[in-house]
Amino acid sequence: MTDENQLTSRQAYLAMFEFLRRHYERGPTDEIGGLLGSLSVLADGTSADPAYANDWAEAVAAVLTAESNGRHAEAEFRIV
């Protein structure tokens, strides 16, 4: 992994959203459609569903903790 592949937490969130959006466009499902609606970023930069923002922050913290312990070492992108 090189420095150019490192993402901030916000960039990783947007990349995850884009991945899900593209998947949804290939074959819409209610589950992914609902998830995308909840994960949408509003004009003010906040999440449409604040609970998902908290879940994302916890996921980022879990990955960072795991990386510091030597796990998640094979991930292509690193959350910084």
C-alpha atoms as a PDB file:
ATOM      1  CA  MET A   1       0.000   0.000   0.000  1.00  0.00           C
ATOM      2  CA  THR A   2       1.229   3.493  -0.793  1.00  0.00           C
ATOM      3  CA  ASP A   3       0.298   6.830   0.726  1.00  0.00           C
ATOM      4  CA  GLU A   4      -1.758   7.691  -2.354  1.00  0.00           C
ATOM      5  CA  ASN A   5      -4.178   4.847  -1.469  1.00  0.00           C
ATOM      6  CA  GLN A   6      -4.916   6.124   2.017  1.00  0.00           C
ATOM      7  CA  LEU A   7      -8.369   7.566   2.605  1.00  0.00           C
ATOM      8  CA  THR A   8      -9.725   9.789   5.319  1.00  0.00           C
ATOM      9  CA  SER A   9     -12.758   8.519   7.189  1.00  0.00           C
ATOM     10  CA  ARG A  10     -14.981  10.824   5.116  1.00  0.00           C
ATOM     11  CA  GLN A  11     -13.424   9.691   1.816  1.00  0.00           C
ATOM     12  CA  ALA A  12     -13.867   6.060   2.820  1.00  0.00           C
ATOM     13  CA  TYR A  13     -17.522   6.759   3.662  1.00  0.00           C
ATOM     14  CA  LEU A  14     -18.086   8.398   0.276  1.00  0.00           C
ATOM     15  CA  ALA A  15     -16.295   5.532  -1.488  1.00  0.00           C
ATOM     16  CA  MET A  16     -18.503   3.010   0.317  1.00  0.00           C
ATOM     17  CA  PHE A  17     -21.590   5.031  -0.652  1.00  0.00           C
ATOM     18  CA  GLU A  18     -20.483   5.166  -4.300  1.00  0.00           C
ATOM     19  CA  PHE A  19     -19.840   1.422  -4.306  1.00  0.00           C
ATOM     20  CA  LEU A  20     -23.332   0.730  -2.965  1.00  0.00           C
ATOM     21  CA  ARG A  21     -24.910   3.225  -5.381  1.00  0.00           C
ATOM     22  CA  ARG A  22     -23.289   1.532  -8.364  1.00  0.00           C
ATOM     23  CA  HIS A  23     -24.362  -1.873  -7.097  1.00  0.00           C
ATOM     24  CA  TYR A  24     -27.919  -0.580  -6.688  1.00  0.00           C
ATOM     25  CA  GLU A  25     -27.983   0.806 -10.242  1.00  0.00           C
ATOM     26  CA  ARG A  26     -27.071  -2.618 -11.641  1.00  0.00           C
ATOM     27  CA  GLY A  27     -30.053  -4.233  -9.932  1.00  0.00           C
ATOM     28  CA  PRO A  28     -32.103  -2.150  -7.492  1.00  0.00           C
ATOM     29  CA  THR A  29     -33.096  -3.833  -4.240  1.00  0.00           C
ATOM     30  CA  ASP A  30     -35.216  -2.417  -1.444  1.00  0.00           C
ATOM     31  CA  GLU A  31     -32.539  -3.194   1.136  1.00  0.00           C
ATOM     32  CA  ILE A  32     -29.770  -1.302  -0.635  1.00  0.00           C
ATOM     33  CA  GLY A  33     -32.148   1.492  -1.655  1.00  0.00           C
ATOM     34  CA  GLY A  34     -33.180   1.998   1.959  1.00  0.00           C
ATOM     35  CA  LEU A  35     -29.586   1.863   3.131  1.00  0.00           C
ATOM     36  CA  LEU A  36     -28.531   4.439   0.532  1.00  0.00           C
ATOM     37  CA  GLY A  37     -31.344   6.734   1.658  1.00  0.00           C
ATOM     38  CA  SER A  38     -30.208   6.515   5.273  1.00  0.00           C
ATOM     39  CA  LEU A  39     -26.539   6.942   4.370  1.00  0.00           C
ATOM     40  CA  SER A  40     -27.140   9.940   2.098  1.00  0.00           C
ATOM     41  CA  VAL A  41     -25.103  13.023   2.915  1.00  0.00           C
ATOM     42  CA  LEU A  42     -27.260  16.118   3.257  1.00  0.00           C
ATOM     43  CA  ALA A  43     -26.349  19.561   1.929  1.00  0.00           C
ATOM     44  CA  ASP A  44     -24.994  20.538   5.355  1.00  0.00           C
ATOM     45  CA  GLY A  45     -22.630  17.539   5.322  1.00  0.00           C
ATOM     46  CA  THR A  46     -24.491  15.466   7.897  1.00  0.00           C
ATOM     47  CA  SER A  47     -25.927  11.988   7.436  1.00  0.00           C
ATOM     48  CA  ALA A  48     -29.636  11.644   6.621  1.00  0.00           C
ATOM     49  CA  ASP A  49     -29.831   9.205   9.547  1.00  0.00           C
ATOM     50  CA  PRO A  50     -27.568  10.206  12.451  1.00  0.00           C
ATOM     51  CA  ALA A  51     -27.588   6.644  13.811  1.00  0.00           C
ATOM     52  CA  TYR A  52     -25.695   5.510  10.714  1.00  0.00           C
ATOM     53  CA  ALA A  53     -23.129   8.260  11.255  1.00  0.00           C
ATOM     54  CA  ASN A  54     -22.497   6.851  14.741  1.00  0.00           C
ATOM     55  CA  ASP A  55     -22.293   3.314  13.345  1.00  0.00           C
ATOM     56  CA  TRP A  56     -19.758   4.523  10.763  1.00  0.00           C
ATOM     57  CA  ALA A  57     -17.624   6.225  13.423  1.00  0.00           C
ATOM     58  CA  GLU A  58     -17.624   3.015  15.466  1.00  0.00           C
ATOM     59  CA  ALA A  59     -16.663   0.961  12.401  1.00  0.00           C
ATOM     60  CA  VAL A  60     -13.776   3.326  11.627  1.00  0.00           C
ATOM     61  CA  ALA A  61     -12.571   3.089  15.227  1.00  0.00           C
ATOM     62  CA  ALA A  62     -12.780  -0.718  15.103  1.00  0.00           C
ATOM     63  CA  VAL A  63     -10.723  -0.882  11.902  1.00  0.00           C
ATOM     64  CA  LEU A  64      -8.110   1.534  13.223  1.00  0.00           C
ATOM     65  CA  THR A  65      -7.823  -0.491  16.424  1.00  0.00           C
ATOM     66  CA  ALA A  66      -7.544  -3.715  14.442  1.00  0.00           C
ATOM     67  CA  GLU A  67      -4.868  -2.217  12.188  1.00  0.00           C
ATOM     68  CA  SER A  68      -2.847  -1.081  15.179  1.00  0.00           C
ATOM     69  CA  ASN A  69      -2.942  -4.701  16.386  1.00  0.00           C
ATOM     70  CA  GLY A  70      -1.725  -6.024  13.019  1.00  0.00           C
ATOM     71  CA  ARG A  71      -5.102  -7.129  11.667  1.00  0.00           C
ATOM     72  CA  HIS A  72      -6.730  -5.786   8.466  1.00  0.00           C
ATOM     73  CA  ALA A  73      -3.218  -5.674   7.025  1.00  0.00           C
ATOM     74  CA  GLU A  74      -4.371  -7.033   3.671  1.00  0.00           C
ATOM     75  CA  ALA A  75      -6.936  -4.301   3.014  1.00  0.00           C
ATOM     76  CA  GLU A  76      -6.208  -2.375  -0.165  1.00  0.00           C
ATOM     77  CA  PHE A  77      -7.201   0.951   1.351  1.00  0.00           C
ATOM     78  CA  ARG A  78      -6.338   2.145   4.796  1.00  0.00           C
ATOM     79  CA  ILE A  79      -8.612   4.424   6.765  1.00  0.00           C
ATOM     80  CA  VAL A  80      -6.607   7.311   8.216  1.00  0.00           C
END
